[in-house]
């Protein structure tokens, strides 16, 4: 019952929006409206609440921390891979444009 209240009311309508607002408030190039828009975008497009429901609704209590750690580990690997591909493509395009201008 407590998990249901947390998943249905507290997390999506209080905790996560506040976290996005704080992050937007700390960032120098964002306003609070940007933080709320980013939250709505993540909920709609990336299944942010689905992951939370999976973690707290399906995974047993004694396995939650290892599950979150494992998912976080693989998520960081995915983000690192995507980031390195983007930086490599940016580096190669800037080097090709500078070599063609010489």
Protein backbone atom coordinates (compact mmCIF):
# COMPACT_ATOMS: atom_id res chain seq x y z
CA UNK A 1 0.00 0.00 0.00
CA UNK A 2 2.83 2.43 0.85
CA UNK A 3 4.65 1.55 -2.35
CA UNK A 4 1.48 2.20 -4.36
CA UNK A 5 1.03 5.64 -2.80
CA UNK A 6 4.68 6.44 -3.43
CA UNK A 7 4.56 5.26 -7.05
CA UNK A 8 1.22 6.85 -7.93
CA UNK A 9 1.41 10.18 -6.08
CA UNK A 10 4.70 11.08 -4.43
CA UNK A 11 7.29 10.12 -7.03
CA UNK A 12 5.62 11.39 -10.24
CA UNK A 13 4.00 14.53 -8.82
CA UNK A 14 6.37 15.65 -6.06
CA UNK A 15 9.82 14.06 -5.94
CA UNK A 16 10.81 13.93 -9.61
CA UNK A 17 9.46 17.35 -10.64
CA UNK A 18 11.22 18.97 -7.68
CA UNK A 19 14.48 17.24 -8.67
CA UNK A 20 14.16 18.53 -12.23
CA UNK A 21 13.36 22.05 -10.99
CA UNK A 22 16.37 22.07 -8.67
CA UNK A 23 18.64 20.87 -11.46
CA UNK A 24 17.30 23.57 -13.79
CA UNK A 25 17.70 26.18 -11.06
CA UNK A 26 21.33 25.24 -10.49
CA UNK A 27 22.22 25.21 -14.19
CA UNK A 28 23.20 28.64 -15.42
CA UNK A 29 21.70 28.25 -18.89
CA UNK A 30 18.25 26.89 -17.89
CA UNK A 31 15.14 28.39 -16.38
CA UNK A 32 12.61 26.54 -14.22
CA UNK A 33 10.25 26.19 -17.19
CA UNK A 34 12.99 24.26 -19.03
CA UNK A 35 13.23 21.87 -16.10
CA UNK A 36 9.51 21.14 -16.14
CA UNK A 37 9.50 20.70 -19.91
CA UNK A 38 12.41 18.28 -19.66
CA UNK A 39 10.59 16.30 -16.95
CA UNK A 40 7.44 15.99 -19.08
CA UNK A 41 9.55 14.97 -22.08
CA UNK A 42 11.36 12.27 -20.11
CA UNK A 43 8.12 10.89 -18.71
CA UNK A 44 6.43 10.78 -22.11
CA UNK A 45 9.28 9.65 -24.32
CA UNK A 46 11.65 7.64 -22.18
CA UNK A 47 9.46 5.72 -19.78
CA UNK A 48 10.92 7.28 -16.65
CA UNK A 49 8.00 6.23 -14.47
CA UNK A 50 7.94 2.72 -15.92
CA UNK A 51 11.47 2.11 -14.67
CA UNK A 52 10.50 3.35 -11.22
CA UNK A 53 7.44 1.11 -11.16
CA UNK A 54 9.55 -1.87 -12.18
CA UNK A 55 12.10 -1.19 -9.47
CA UNK A 56 9.68 -0.66 -6.61
CA UNK A 57 6.77 -2.77 -7.76
CA UNK A 58 8.37 -5.98 -9.02
CA UNK A 59 11.86 -6.29 -7.55
CA UNK A 60 11.87 -7.74 -4.02
CA UNK A 61 13.00 -5.42 -1.24
CA UNK A 62 16.22 -7.29 -0.52
CA UNK A 63 17.28 -7.12 -4.19
CA UNK A 64 16.46 -3.47 -4.92
CA UNK A 65 19.87 -1.99 -4.19
CA UNK A 66 21.78 -4.61 -6.24
CA UNK A 67 19.22 -4.25 -9.05
CA UNK A 68 19.56 -0.45 -9.12
CA UNK A 69 23.35 -0.72 -9.01
CA UNK A 70 23.40 -3.21 -11.88
CA UNK A 71 21.00 -1.19 -14.03
CA UNK A 72 22.97 2.00 -13.29
CA UNK A 73 26.24 0.31 -14.23
CA UNK A 74 24.94 -0.76 -17.63
CA UNK A 75 23.17 2.57 -18.19
CA UNK A 76 26.43 4.45 -17.58
CA UNK A 77 28.19 2.14 -20.04
CA UNK A 78 25.53 2.87 -22.67
CA UNK A 79 25.73 6.64 -22.09
CA UNK A 80 29.53 6.54 -22.22
CA UNK A 81 29.43 4.65 -25.49
CA UNK A 82 26.96 7.10 -27.03
CA UNK A 83 28.98 10.06 -25.78
CA UNK A 84 32.24 8.72 -27.19
CA UNK A 85 30.60 8.07 -30.58
CA UNK A 86 29.24 11.63 -30.67
CA UNK A 87 32.61 13.13 -29.72
CA UNK A 88 34.41 10.97 -32.29
CA UNK A 89 32.02 12.03 -35.04
CA UNK A 90 32.42 15.68 -34.00
CA UNK A 91 36.21 15.36 -33.95
CA UNK A 92 36.33 13.68 -37.34
CA UNK A 93 33.99 16.21 -38.95
CA UNK A 94 35.96 19.16 -37.54
CA UNK A 95 39.28 17.66 -38.64
CA UNK A 96 37.96 16.93 -42.13
CA UNK A 97 36.62 20.46 -42.50
CA UNK A 98 39.92 21.98 -41.33
CA UNK A 99 41.94 19.74 -43.68
CA UNK A 100 39.72 20.60 -46.63
CA UNK A 101 40.12 24.32 -45.97
CA UNK A 102 43.94 24.04 -46.06
